[in-house]
Amino acid sequence: MKQVAAVVLILVMLCACSHRTAIVVGSKNFTEQRILGEIAAQQIESKLHIPVERRLGLGGTLLAHEALLNGDIDLYPEYTGTAASVILKQNVSRDPMTAYREVRDAARKRFHVVWLAPLGFNDTFAMVVRTADARRLAAPTLSAAASRSWRLGVGYEFLTRPDGLRRLDAVYHLKWKGSPKTMDLGLLYPALREHKIDMGAGNSTDGFLADAAFMALKDDKHVFPPYNACYVVRAQTIREHPKVKQVLAMLSGRIDAAAMRDLNRRVDIAHQPVAQVARQFLAAQP
């Protein structure tokens, strides 16, 4: 009986050690994701006064998604078009709210995760060029860009995603000089400035777009679907901590594209710490 009791005690202790009391917030590995992850972490800490662990900068979409499914993180920011194309592998509606509802419902059914209401901005792909080059085109559009050839720089995901380069090429038939150069997203704008590339696959909320030296060409054929940003939370986490959903829902509709672009600018260009930028954003909320 003593041996049985000892085994039971060990099992109880192991369970106690493995039970996680902190909420773990994750993000992908670029500036906007780190900011949104930090905003979520500080919102939970300040409103619920419970411990939060940060695992920001995990990697790309699939790494963050797997971390969520495995329970390594409880939540992270994601985008509707990205989830539909990369995770769910389904077509995306051109209507933003329809796209959100389709992704929300499919993700809940297949993965038992909850998509909270959109934060308020669409972070679509942006094909960025030097403003001087854009002015040489007949119009600042991707259709007009087909009149010349470009050295392209891309992030790793844009090269392989079905809604990335393949989709762009199929619709616009742009001419490329050599193979695309893959690099971290934070290096695209320096590469443009230094004339190492002529066009970069950035994002519409990039802080660097505040610089007059750069311009995003208009997607006049609407090749890219909606990419509305939302927090995605494990259903089990919400069952265990229902107020997490409530406090994060307070952020829905609070960040428009201009606000997100400014938050990114403050980190990428003004070199302000992510935690400071997130704290100041939350302090300004009603």
Protein backbone atom coordinates (compact mmCIF):
# COMPACT_ATOMS: atom_id res chain seq x y z
CA MET A 1 0.00 0.00 0.00
CA LYS A 2 2.86 2.37 0.76
CA GLN A 3 4.28 1.79 -2.73
CA VAL A 4 0.90 2.52 -4.31
CA ALA A 5 0.53 5.66 -2.23
CA ALA A 6 3.98 6.77 -3.26
CA VAL A 7 3.19 6.27 -6.95
CA VAL A 8 -0.05 8.21 -6.59
CA LEU A 9 1.79 11.05 -4.84
CA ILE A 10 4.39 11.21 -7.63
CA LEU A 11 1.66 11.32 -10.28
CA VAL A 12 -0.13 14.11 -8.45
CA MET A 13 3.10 16.07 -8.19
CA LEU A 14 3.84 15.59 -11.89
CA CYS A 15 0.37 16.77 -12.82
CA ALA A 16 0.76 19.79 -10.58
CA CYS A 17 4.10 20.62 -12.17
CA SER A 18 2.78 20.23 -15.70
CA HIS A 19 -0.32 22.37 -15.08
CA ARG A 20 0.33 25.83 -16.47
CA THR A 21 -1.17 28.75 -14.59
CA ALA A 22 0.10 31.51 -16.89
CA ILE A 23 -1.54 32.53 -20.16
CA VAL A 24 1.00 32.11 -22.94
CA VAL A 25 0.83 34.69 -25.74
CA GLY A 26 2.64 33.94 -28.98
CA SER A 27 3.29 35.73 -32.26
CA LYS A 28 5.02 35.28 -35.58
CA ASN A 29 8.44 36.79 -36.19
CA PHE A 30 7.82 40.25 -37.60
CA THR A 31 7.26 43.64 -36.01
CA GLU A 32 3.48 43.90 -36.32
CA GLN A 33 2.98 40.46 -34.81
CA ARG A 34 5.26 41.24 -31.89
CA ILE A 35 3.36 44.47 -31.21
CA LEU A 36 -0.05 42.77 -31.36
CA GLY A 37 1.21 39.94 -29.16
CA GLU A 38 2.55 42.41 -26.60
CA ILE A 39 -0.71 44.39 -26.65
CA ALA A 40 -2.63 41.19 -25.89
CA ALA A 41 -0.22 40.25 -23.10
CA GLN A 42 -0.42 43.64 -21.41
CA GLN A 43 -4.19 43.78 -21.80
CA ILE A 44 -4.58 40.46 -20.00
CA GLU A 45 -2.11 41.43 -17.29
CA SER A 46 -3.69 44.80 -16.59
CA LYS A 47 -7.34 43.73 -16.76
CA LEU A 48 -7.20 40.28 -15.18
CA HIS A 49 -4.06 40.50 -13.02
CA ILE A 50 -2.95 36.99 -13.94
CA PRO A 51 0.54 35.96 -15.07
CA VAL A 52 1.30 36.08 -18.77
CA GLU A 53 4.21 34.40 -20.51
CA ARG A 54 5.39 35.78 -23.85
CA ARG A 55 6.61 33.62 -26.71
CA LEU A 56 6.86 36.29 -29.37
CA GLY A 57 8.68 35.80 -32.65
CA LEU A 58 8.01 32.07 -32.96
CA GLY A 59 8.42 31.93 -36.73
CA GLY A 60 6.02 31.72 -39.67
CA THR A 61 2.32 30.95 -39.92
CA LEU A 62 2.49 27.17 -39.65
CA LEU A 63 4.86 27.26 -36.67
CA ALA A 64 2.58 29.62 -34.77
CA HIS A 65 -0.49 27.57 -35.71
CA GLU A 66 1.12 24.31 -34.56
CA ALA A 67 2.20 25.92 -31.29
CA LEU A 68 -1.43 26.89 -30.71
CA LEU A 69 -2.77 23.41 -31.50
CA ASN A 70 -0.12 21.73 -29.34
CA GLY A 71 -0.95 23.97 -26.39
CA ASP A 72 2.48 25.57 -26.35
CA ILE A 73 0.73 28.94 -26.61
CA ASP A 74 -2.82 29.99 -25.74
CA LEU A 75 -3.31 32.67 -28.36
CA TYR A 76 -1.64 34.67 -31.13
CA PRO A 77 -2.61 37.25 -33.78
CA GLU A 78 -3.55 35.91 -37.22
CA TYR A 79 -5.02 37.18 -40.49
CA THR A 80 -8.12 35.88 -42.26
CA GLY A 81 -6.63 35.56 -45.74
CA THR A 82 -3.51 33.89 -44.36
CA ALA A 83 -5.46 31.35 -42.34
CA ALA A 84 -7.73 30.51 -45.27
CA SER A 85 -4.89 30.07 -47.77
CA VAL A 86 -2.13 28.56 -45.63
CA ILE A 87 -3.87 26.74 -42.77
CA LEU A 88 -7.37 25.86 -43.97
CA LYS A 89 -6.39 25.67 -47.65
CA GLN A 90 -9.72 27.03 -48.84
CA ASN A 91 -10.79 29.86 -51.10
CA VAL A 92 -11.23 33.28 -49.53
CA SER A 93 -14.25 35.52 -50.07
CA ARG A 94 -13.51 39.02 -51.33
CA ASP A 95 -15.93 40.40 -48.74
CA PRO A 96 -14.00 40.96 -45.49
CA MET A 97 -16.76 39.98 -43.07
CA THR A 98 -17.75 36.93 -45.10
CA ALA A 99 -14.10 35.86 -45.14
CA TYR A 100 -13.91 36.34 -41.37
CA ARG A 101 -17.04 34.28 -40.72
CA GLU A 102 -15.89 31.46 -43.01
CA VAL A 103 -12.47 31.26 -41.34
CA ARG A 104 -13.95 31.58 -37.85
CA ASP A 105 -16.43 28.75 -38.39
CA ALA A 106 -13.98 26.41 -40.14
CA ALA A 107 -11.26 26.95 -37.53
CA ARG A 108 -13.66 26.28 -34.65
CA LYS A 109 -14.89 23.07 -36.25
CA ARG A 110 -11.54 21.68 -37.40
CA PHE A 111 -9.10 22.93 -34.79
CA HIS A 112 -11.17 23.95 -31.73
CA VAL A 113 -9.82 27.47 -31.76
CA VAL A 114 -11.79 30.69 -31.42
CA TRP A 115 -11.34 33.66 -33.73
CA LEU A 116 -12.24 36.87 -31.93
CA ALA A 117 -13.77 39.77 -33.85
CA PRO A 118 -11.38 41.68 -36.16
CA LEU A 119 -9.10 44.31 -34.64
CA GLY A 120 -10.02 46.80 -37.35
CA PHE A 121 -7.40 46.69 -40.11
CA ASN A 122 -6.66 44.71 -43.26
CA ASP A 123 -2.93 43.99 -43.57
CA THR A 124 -2.82 42.93 -47.19
CA PHE A 125 0.30 42.27 -49.24
CA ALA A 126 1.80 45.45 -50.68
CA MET A 127 4.14 45.45 -53.66
CA VAL A 128 6.45 48.31 -52.74
CA VAL A 129 8.81 50.21 -55.02
CA ARG A 130 10.89 53.35 -54.79
CA THR A 131 8.65 56.37 -55.31
CA ALA A 132 10.95 57.64 -58.07
CA ASP A 133 10.41 54.40 -60.01
CA ALA A 134 6.65 54.51 -59.47
CA ARG A 135 6.52 57.99 -61.00
CA ARG A 136 8.09 56.66 -64.19
CA LEU A 137 5.13 54.36 -64.73
CA ALA A 138 1.98 55.34 -66.62
CA ALA A 139 0.12 54.90 -63.31
CA PRO A 140 1.15 53.75 -59.81
CA THR A 141 -0.50 50.34 -60.31
CA LEU A 142 0.60 46.74 -60.64
CA SER A 143 -0.91 46.61 -64.12
CA ALA A 144 1.29 49.51 -65.22
CA ALA A 145 4.31 47.83 -63.60
CA ALA A 146 4.08 45.08 -66.23
CA SER A 147 5.64 47.52 -68.71
CA ARG A 148 9.13 47.01 -67.26
CA SER A 149 11.15 44.35 -65.44
CA TRP A 150 12.00 44.29 -61.74
CA ARG A 151 14.42 42.70 -59.29
CA LEU A 152 12.09 41.26 -56.67
CA GLY A 153 12.65 40.83 -52.94
CA VAL A 154 10.27 38.74 -50.85
CA GLY A 155 9.78 37.25 -47.41
CA TYR A 156 10.01 33.48 -47.14
CA GLU A 157 6.24 32.87 -46.98
CA PHE A 158 5.37 35.04 -49.98
CA LEU A 159 7.48 32.81 -52.20
CA THR A 160 5.61 29.61 -51.32
CA ARG A 161 2.08 30.63 -50.33
CA PRO A 162 -0.72 30.08 -52.87
CA ASP A 163 -1.92 33.65 -52.27
CA GLY A 164 1.59 35.06 -52.72
CA LEU A 165 3.93 35.14 -55.70
CA ARG A 166 2.12 32.42 -57.63
CA ARG A 167 -1.14 34.35 -57.46
CA LEU A 168 0.57 37.64 -58.33
CA ASP A 169 2.27 36.11 -61.38
CA ALA A 170 -0.92 34.44 -62.59
CA VAL A 171 -2.86 37.70 -62.62
CA TYR A 172 -0.36 40.44 -63.49
CA HIS A 173 2.36 38.59 -65.47
CA LEU A 174 5.05 40.91 -64.14
CA LYS A 175 8.55 40.51 -65.58
CA TRP A 176 11.33 39.65 -63.14
CA LYS A 177 15.08 40.08 -63.46
CA GLY A 178 16.49 36.82 -62.17
CA SER A 179 15.05 34.83 -59.28
CA PRO A 180 13.36 36.55 -56.33
CA LYS A 181 15.68 37.30 -53.43
CA THR A 182 14.32 35.92 -50.15
CA MET A 183 15.04 37.85 -46.97
CA ASP A 184 13.57 38.79 -43.62
CA LEU A 185 10.74 41.29 -44.00
CA GLY A 186 12.68 43.89 -42.05
CA LEU A 187 15.40 43.88 -44.72
CA LEU A 188 13.11 44.62 -47.68
CA TYR A 189 13.08 48.39 -47.29
CA PRO A 190 16.84 48.76 -46.73
CA ALA A 191 17.34 46.59 -49.85
CA LEU A 192 15.04 48.91 -51.81
CA ARG A 193 16.81 52.00 -50.52
CA GLU A 194 20.21 50.56 -51.43
CA HIS A 195 19.00 49.52 -54.92
CA LYS A 196 19.64 45.85 -54.24
CA ILE A 197 16.06 45.13 -55.35
CA ASP A 198 13.49 47.18 -57.28
CA MET A 199 10.27 45.81 -55.77
CA GLY A 200 9.55 44.25 -52.40
CA ALA A 201 6.62 42.16 -51.20
CA GLY A 202 5.77 44.06 -48.04
CA ASN A 203 2.56 44.69 -46.14
CA SER A 204 0.08 47.54 -46.32
CA THR A 205 0.61 48.47 -42.66
CA ASP A 206 4.42 48.59 -42.82
CA GLY A 207 5.80 51.51 -40.86
CA PHE A 208 8.34 52.18 -43.59
CA LEU A 209 5.49 53.24 -45.91
CA ALA A 210 5.42 56.50 -43.96
CA ASP A 211 8.72 57.28 -45.72
CA ALA A 212 8.12 59.28 -48.90
CA ALA A 213 10.91 57.33 -50.59
CA PHE A 214 8.65 54.29 -50.88
CA MET A 215 5.29 53.66 -52.51
CA ALA A 216 2.95 50.66 -52.58
CA LEU A 217 1.61 50.05 -56.08
CA LYS A 218 -2.15 49.75 -56.25
CA ASP A 219 -3.51 46.22 -56.59
CA ASP A 220 -5.91 47.33 -59.33
CA LYS A 221 -7.05 43.78 -60.18
CA HIS A 222 -7.66 42.89 -56.52
CA VAL A 223 -5.40 39.86 -56.56
CA PHE A 224 -4.99 39.67 -52.79
CA PRO A 225 -7.88 38.63 -50.50
CA PRO A 226 -8.80 40.36 -47.19
CA TYR A 227 -6.29 39.91 -44.37
CA ASN A 228 -8.20 41.17 -41.36
CA ALA A 229 -6.18 40.82 -38.16
CA CYS A 230 -7.76 38.94 -35.25
CA TYR A 231 -6.68 37.23 -32.06
CA VAL A 232 -7.01 33.44 -32.21
CA VAL A 233 -7.44 31.63 -28.89
CA ARG A 234 -7.58 27.96 -27.95
CA ALA A 235 -11.13 26.97 -27.00
CA GLN A 236 -9.76 25.14 -23.95
CA THR A 237 -8.10 28.35 -22.76
CA ILE A 238 -11.42 30.20 -22.98
CA ARG A 239 -13.15 27.45 -21.04
CA GLU A 240 -10.54 27.68 -18.29
CA HIS A 241 -10.21 31.49 -18.39
CA PRO A 242 -13.45 32.88 -19.91
CA LYS A 243 -12.51 36.47 -19.04
CA VAL A 244 -9.54 36.29 -21.43
CA LYS A 245 -12.01 36.37 -24.30
CA GLN A 246 -13.82 39.33 -22.77
CA VAL A 247 -10.75 41.51 -22.27
CA LEU A 248 -9.31 40.76 -25.70
CA ALA A 249 -12.69 41.48 -27.29
CA MET A 250 -12.35 45.01 -25.89
CA LEU A 251 -9.64 45.55 -28.53
CA SER A 252 -11.83 44.56 -31.47
CA GLY A 253 -12.33 47.42 -33.90
CA ARG A 254 -9.77 49.56 -32.03
CA ILE A 255 -6.86 49.46 -34.50
CA ASP A 256 -7.35 50.80 -38.02
CA ALA A 257 -4.73 50.58 -40.77
CA ALA A 258 -3.32 54.06 -40.07
CA ALA A 259 -2.96 53.29 -36.36
CA MET A 260 -1.23 49.97 -37.03
CA ARG A 261 1.10 51.58 -39.53
CA ASP A 262 2.06 54.17 -36.92
CA LEU A 263 2.70 51.52 -34.27
CA ASN A 264 4.97 49.69 -36.72
CA ARG A 265 6.70 52.96 -37.60
CA ARG A 266 7.47 53.69 -33.98
CA VAL A 267 9.22 50.35 -33.59
CA ASP A 268 10.92 49.99 -36.99
CA ILE A 269 11.91 53.60 -37.65
CA ALA A 270 11.83 55.40 -34.30
CA HIS A 271 13.34 52.31 -32.61
CA GLN A 272 11.00 52.45 -29.63
CA PRO A 273 10.72 49.22 -27.58
CA VAL A 274 7.74 47.02 -28.45
CA ALA A 275 6.62 46.93 -24.80
CA GLN A 276 6.61 50.73 -24.61
CA VAL A 277 4.64 51.11 -27.85
CA ALA A 278 2.06 48.58 -26.68
CA ARG A 279 1.76 50.21 -23.25
CA GLN A 280 1.20 53.67 -24.74
CA PHE A 281 -1.40 52.32 -27.15
CA LEU A 282 -3.37 50.69 -24.35
CA ALA A 283 -3.11 53.78 -22.15
CA ALA A 284 -4.82 55.78 -24.90
CA GLN A 285 -7.81 53.45 -25.09
CA PRO A 286 -11.08 54.61 -23.48
